[in-house]
């Protein structure tokens, strides 16, 4: 029987990890960073194959891919072939999504951890407000059920 591919194994590991502990911001950053590191290598090689006159080495192709995916784009190297420009468009869109997804994942993780710590310490403002409203409601209920004082004009 054939062993599962590294992608399949890493997918299983990620599923087990998120089921057990949730996806932590650090894990999300590692996952996305690893994906784009591999993409930079792959697209650097592909760009070298597609446009060898512009990209004299694979290293130059990878440098260009890093410039493009990080949205720096110095302009020192520009693909001349249509296929290279399509690859550049994919990397540019991927770079924008990379920045937004990483930022959102990390921020979401920090916010949820802060909320969890606040709830554990009893500092949850929603729960504090609910407790306060509960005390006020209890005081009003007690006041409504209290017998009237002697000498008041209360007909009830």
C-alpha atoms as a PDB file:
ATOM      1  CA  UNK A   1       0.000   0.000   0.000  1.00  0.00           C
ATOM      2  CA  UNK A   2       1.261   3.444  -0.946  1.00  0.00           C
ATOM      3  CA  UNK A   3       1.997   5.921   1.846  1.00  0.00           C
ATOM      4  CA  UNK A   4       0.012   9.165   1.824  1.00  0.00           C
ATOM      5  CA  UNK A   5       1.573  12.224   0.212  1.00  0.00           C
ATOM      6  CA  UNK A   6       3.171  14.919   2.372  1.00  0.00           C
ATOM      7  CA  UNK A   7       0.278  17.252   1.516  1.00  0.00           C
ATOM      8  CA  UNK A   8      -2.247  14.642   2.676  1.00  0.00           C
ATOM      9  CA  UNK A   9      -0.292  14.028   5.895  1.00  0.00           C
ATOM     10  CA  UNK A  10       0.007  17.744   6.626  1.00  0.00           C
ATOM     11  CA  UNK A  11      -3.722  18.145   5.966  1.00  0.00           C
ATOM     12  CA  UNK A  12      -4.499  15.388   8.479  1.00  0.00           C
ATOM     13  CA  UNK A  13      -2.096  16.916  11.010  1.00  0.00           C
ATOM     14  CA  UNK A  14      -3.730  20.335  10.581  1.00  0.00           C
ATOM     15  CA  UNK A  15      -7.233  18.878  11.012  1.00  0.00           C
ATOM     16  CA  UNK A  16      -6.243  17.003  14.190  1.00  0.00           C
ATOM     17  CA  UNK A  17      -4.511  20.095  15.549  1.00  0.00           C
ATOM     18  CA  UNK A  18      -7.455  22.407  14.902  1.00  0.00           C
ATOM     19  CA  UNK A  19      -9.925  19.854  16.297  1.00  0.00           C
ATOM     20  CA  UNK A  20      -7.839  19.544  19.465  1.00  0.00           C
ATOM     21  CA  UNK A  21      -6.670  23.104  20.129  1.00  0.00           C
ATOM     22  CA  UNK A  22      -8.179  25.312  17.454  1.00  0.00           C
ATOM     23  CA  UNK A  23      -6.105  27.177  14.903  1.00  0.00           C
ATOM     24  CA  UNK A  24      -3.769  29.459  16.791  1.00  0.00           C
ATOM     25  CA  UNK A  25      -2.514  32.655  15.140  1.00  0.00           C
ATOM     26  CA  UNK A  26       1.025  31.296  15.039  1.00  0.00           C
ATOM     27  CA  UNK A  27      -0.167  28.125  13.284  1.00  0.00           C
ATOM     28  CA  UNK A  28      -2.106  30.165  10.722  1.00  0.00           C
ATOM     29  CA  UNK A  29       0.944  32.325  10.045  1.00  0.00           C
ATOM     30  CA  UNK A  30       3.154  29.230   9.631  1.00  0.00           C
ATOM     31  CA  UNK A  31       0.644  27.578   7.319  1.00  0.00           C
ATOM     32  CA  UNK A  32       0.180  30.589   5.083  1.00  0.00           C
ATOM     33  CA  UNK A  33       3.870  31.461   5.113  1.00  0.00           C
ATOM     34  CA  UNK A  34       4.795  27.896   4.162  1.00  0.00           C
ATOM     35  CA  UNK A  35       2.267  27.874   1.328  1.00  0.00           C
ATOM     36  CA  UNK A  36       3.634  31.088  -0.134  1.00  0.00           C
ATOM     37  CA  UNK A  37       7.265  30.027   0.359  1.00  0.00           C
ATOM     38  CA  UNK A  38       6.536  26.957  -1.744  1.00  0.00           C
ATOM     39  CA  UNK A  39       4.611  29.106  -4.261  1.00  0.00           C
ATOM     40  CA  UNK A  40       7.582  31.475  -4.609  1.00  0.00           C
ATOM     41  CA  UNK A  41       9.907  28.569  -5.423  1.00  0.00           C
ATOM     42  CA  UNK A  42       7.447  26.968  -7.857  1.00  0.00           C
ATOM     43  CA  UNK A  43       6.601  30.204  -9.657  1.00  0.00           C
ATOM     44  CA  UNK A  44      10.243  31.268  -9.731  1.00  0.00           C
ATOM     45  CA  UNK A  45      11.088  28.026 -11.525  1.00  0.00           C
ATOM     46  CA  UNK A  46       8.055  28.293 -13.825  1.00  0.00           C
ATOM     47  CA  UNK A  47       8.884  31.897 -14.704  1.00  0.00           C
ATOM     48  CA  UNK A  48      12.437  30.854 -15.598  1.00  0.00           C
ATOM     49  CA  UNK A  49      11.023  28.169 -17.903  1.00  0.00           C
ATOM     50  CA  UNK A  50       8.425  30.477 -19.463  1.00  0.00           C
ATOM     51  CA  UNK A  51      10.661  33.525 -19.997  1.00  0.00           C
ATOM     52  CA  UNK A  52      14.340  32.457 -20.020  1.00  0.00           C
ATOM     53  CA  UNK A  53      15.514  35.633 -21.815  1.00  0.00           C
ATOM     54  CA  UNK A  54      14.338  37.862 -18.961  1.00  0.00           C
ATOM     55  CA  UNK A  55      14.967  35.434 -16.086  1.00  0.00           C
ATOM     56  CA  UNK A  56      18.541  34.215 -16.564  1.00  0.00           C
ATOM     57  CA  UNK A  57      18.401  31.943 -13.518  1.00  0.00           C
ATOM     58  CA  UNK A  58      15.901  30.263 -11.236  1.00  0.00           C
ATOM     59  CA  UNK A  59      17.209  32.477  -8.414  1.00  0.00           C
ATOM     60  CA  UNK A  60      16.275  35.583 -10.374  1.00  0.00           C
ATOM     61  CA  UNK A  61      12.819  34.094 -10.965  1.00  0.00           C
ATOM     62  CA  UNK A  62      12.429  33.427  -7.252  1.00  0.00           C
ATOM     63  CA  UNK A  63      13.614  36.961  -6.402  1.00  0.00           C
ATOM     64  CA  UNK A  64      10.998  38.343  -8.783  1.00  0.00           C
ATOM     65  CA  UNK A  65       8.317  36.069  -7.259  1.00  0.00           C
ATOM     66  CA  UNK A  66       9.184  37.316  -3.756  1.00  0.00           C
ATOM     67  CA  UNK A  67       9.042  40.939  -4.939  1.00  0.00           C
ATOM     68  CA  UNK A  68       5.675  40.302  -6.527  1.00  0.00           C
ATOM     69  CA  UNK A  69       4.000  38.269  -3.781  1.00  0.00           C
ATOM     70  CA  UNK A  70       5.062  40.744  -1.106  1.00  0.00           C
ATOM     71  CA  UNK A  71       3.647  43.549  -3.301  1.00  0.00           C
ATOM     72  CA  UNK A  72       6.998  45.386  -3.273  1.00  0.00           C
ATOM     73  CA  UNK A  73       7.473  45.196  -7.051  1.00  0.00           C
ATOM     74  CA  UNK A  74      10.723  47.115  -7.532  1.00  0.00           C
ATOM     75  CA  UNK A  75      10.275  46.964 -11.289  1.00  0.00           C
ATOM     76  CA  UNK A  76      13.854  45.812 -11.833  1.00  0.00           C
ATOM     77  CA  UNK A  77      12.575  42.609 -13.449  1.00  0.00           C
ATOM     78  CA  UNK A  78       9.383  42.418 -15.480  1.00  0.00           C
ATOM     79  CA  UNK A  79       8.098  39.392 -17.401  1.00  0.00           C
ATOM     80  CA  UNK A  80       7.894  39.881 -21.178  1.00  0.00           C
ATOM     81  CA  UNK A  81       5.781  36.848 -22.070  1.00  0.00           C
ATOM     82  CA  UNK A  82       1.988  36.695 -21.671  1.00  0.00           C
ATOM     83  CA  UNK A  83       2.259  33.556 -19.521  1.00  0.00           C
ATOM     84  CA  UNK A  84       4.702  35.376 -17.256  1.00  0.00           C
ATOM     85  CA  UNK A  85       2.324  38.303 -16.923  1.00  0.00           C
ATOM     86  CA  UNK A  86      -0.491  35.903 -15.976  1.00  0.00           C
ATOM     87  CA  UNK A  87       1.754  34.372 -13.340  1.00  0.00           C
ATOM     88  CA  UNK A  88       2.546  37.893 -12.101  1.00  0.00           C
ATOM     89  CA  UNK A  89      -1.172  38.718 -11.868  1.00  0.00           C
ATOM     90  CA  UNK A  90      -1.771  35.562  -9.810  1.00  0.00           C
ATOM     91  CA  UNK A  91       1.153  36.388  -7.513  1.00  0.00           C
ATOM     92  CA  UNK A  92      -0.003  39.993  -7.060  1.00  0.00           C
ATOM     93  CA  UNK A  93      -3.544  38.939  -6.152  1.00  0.00           C
ATOM     94  CA  UNK A  94      -2.130  36.206  -3.956  1.00  0.00           C
ATOM     95  CA  UNK A  95       0.148  38.705  -2.236  1.00  0.00           C
ATOM     96  CA  UNK A  96      -2.767  40.982  -1.431  1.00  0.00           C
ATOM     97  CA  UNK A  97      -4.813  38.079  -0.098  1.00  0.00           C
ATOM     98  CA  UNK A  98      -1.784  36.827   1.827  1.00  0.00           C
ATOM     99  CA  UNK A  99      -1.467  40.106   3.686  1.00  0.00           C
ATOM    100  CA  UNK A 100      -5.176  40.327   4.463  1.00  0.00           C
ATOM    101  CA  UNK A 101      -5.635  36.704   5.488  1.00  0.00           C
ATOM    102  CA  UNK A 102      -2.554  36.671   7.706  1.00  0.00           C
ATOM    103  CA  UNK A 103      -3.572  39.931   9.347  1.00  0.00           C
ATOM    104  CA  UNK A 104      -7.165  38.745   9.868  1.00  0.00           C
ATOM    105  CA  UNK A 105      -6.142  35.322  11.205  1.00  0.00           C
ATOM    106  CA  UNK A 106      -3.621  36.724  13.641  1.00  0.00           C
ATOM    107  CA  UNK A 107      -5.946  39.490  14.829  1.00  0.00           C
ATOM    108  CA  UNK A 108      -8.853  37.079  15.237  1.00  0.00           C
ATOM    109  CA  UNK A 109      -6.695  34.745  17.283  1.00  0.00           C
ATOM    110  CA  UNK A 110      -5.503  37.518  19.560  1.00  0.00           C
ATOM    111  CA  UNK A 111      -9.030  38.868  20.058  1.00  0.00           C
ATOM    112  CA  UNK A 112     -10.495  35.449  20.870  1.00  0.00           C
ATOM    113  CA  UNK A 113      -7.673  34.714  23.315  1.00  0.00           C
ATOM    114  CA  UNK A 114      -8.175  38.077  25.031  1.00  0.00           C
ATOM    115  CA  UNK A 115     -11.901  37.373  25.325  1.00  0.00           C
ATOM    116  CA  UNK A 116     -11.235  33.904  26.737  1.00  0.00           C
ATOM    117  CA  UNK A 117      -8.769  35.297  29.290  1.00  0.00           C
ATOM    118  CA  UNK A 118     -11.257  38.009  30.252  1.00  0.00           C
ATOM    119  CA  UNK A 119     -14.057  35.488  30.738  1.00  0.00           C
ATOM    120  CA  UNK A 120     -11.804  33.236  32.801  1.00  0.00           C
ATOM    121  CA  UNK A 121     -10.771  36.159  35.014  1.00  0.00           C
ATOM    122  CA  UNK A 122     -14.352  37.386  35.335  1.00  0.00           C
ATOM    123  CA  UNK A 123     -13.617  40.557  33.390  1.00  0.00           C
ATOM    124  CA  UNK A 124     -16.184  39.962  30.653  1.00  0.00           C
ATOM    125  CA  UNK A 125     -18.076  43.275  30.330  1.00  0.00           C
ATOM    126  CA  UNK A 126     -21.187  41.565  28.975  1.00  0.00           C
ATOM    127  CA  UNK A 127     -21.363  39.199  31.946  1.00  0.00           C
ATOM    128  CA  UNK A 128     -20.702  42.087  34.344  1.00  0.00           C
ATOM    129  CA  UNK A 129     -23.568  44.064  32.810  1.00  0.00           C
ATOM    130  CA  UNK A 130     -25.861  41.034  32.978  1.00  0.00           C
ATOM    131  CA  UNK A 131     -24.976  40.562  36.658  1.00  0.00           C
ATOM    132  CA  UNK A 132     -25.733  44.220  37.328  1.00  0.00           C
ATOM    133  CA  UNK A 133     -29.076  43.984  35.510  1.00  0.00           C
ATOM    134  CA  UNK A 134     -29.874  40.811  37.456  1.00  0.00           C
ATOM    135  CA  UNK A 135     -29.212  42.587  40.765  1.00  0.00           C
ATOM    136  CA  UNK A 136     -31.411  45.523  39.712  1.00  0.00           C
ATOM    137  CA  UNK A 137     -34.192  43.159  38.647  1.00  0.00           C
ATOM    138  CA  UNK A 138     -33.922  41.290  41.941  1.00  0.00           C
ATOM    139  CA  UNK A 139     -34.157  44.582  43.882  1.00  0.00           C
ATOM    140  CA  UNK A 140     -37.227  45.657  41.885  1.00  0.00           C
ATOM    141  CA  UNK A 141     -38.890  42.254  42.404  1.00  0.00           C
ATOM    142  CA  UNK A 142     -38.249  42.417  46.137  1.00  0.00           C
ATOM    143  CA  UNK A 143     -39.655  45.943  46.263  1.00  0.00           C
ATOM    144  CA  UNK A 144     -42.803  44.893  44.411  1.00  0.00           C
ATOM    145  CA  UNK A 145     -43.390  41.963  46.744  1.00  0.00           C
ATOM    146  CA  UNK A 146     -42.694  43.913  49.936  1.00  0.00           C
ATOM    147  CA  UNK A 147     -45.867  44.623  51.963  1.00  0.00           C
ATOM    148  CA  UNK A 148     -46.847  48.294  51.980  1.00  0.00           C
ATOM    149  CA  UNK A 149     -45.789  50.349  54.979  1.00  0.00           C
ATOM    150  CA  UNK A 150     -48.474  51.305  57.455  1.00  0.00           C
ATOM    151  CA  UNK A 151     -49.952  54.728  56.902  1.00  0.00           C
ATOM    152  CA  UNK A 152     -49.414  54.904  53.128  1.00  0.00           C
ATOM    153  CA  UNK A 153     -52.219  55.549  50.678  1.00  0.00           C
ATOM    154  CA  UNK A 154     -51.357  52.512  48.601  1.00  0.00           C
ATOM    155  CA  UNK A 155     -54.657  50.677  47.865  1.00  0.00           C
ATOM    156  CA  UNK A 156     -52.922  47.446  46.983  1.00  0.00           C
END
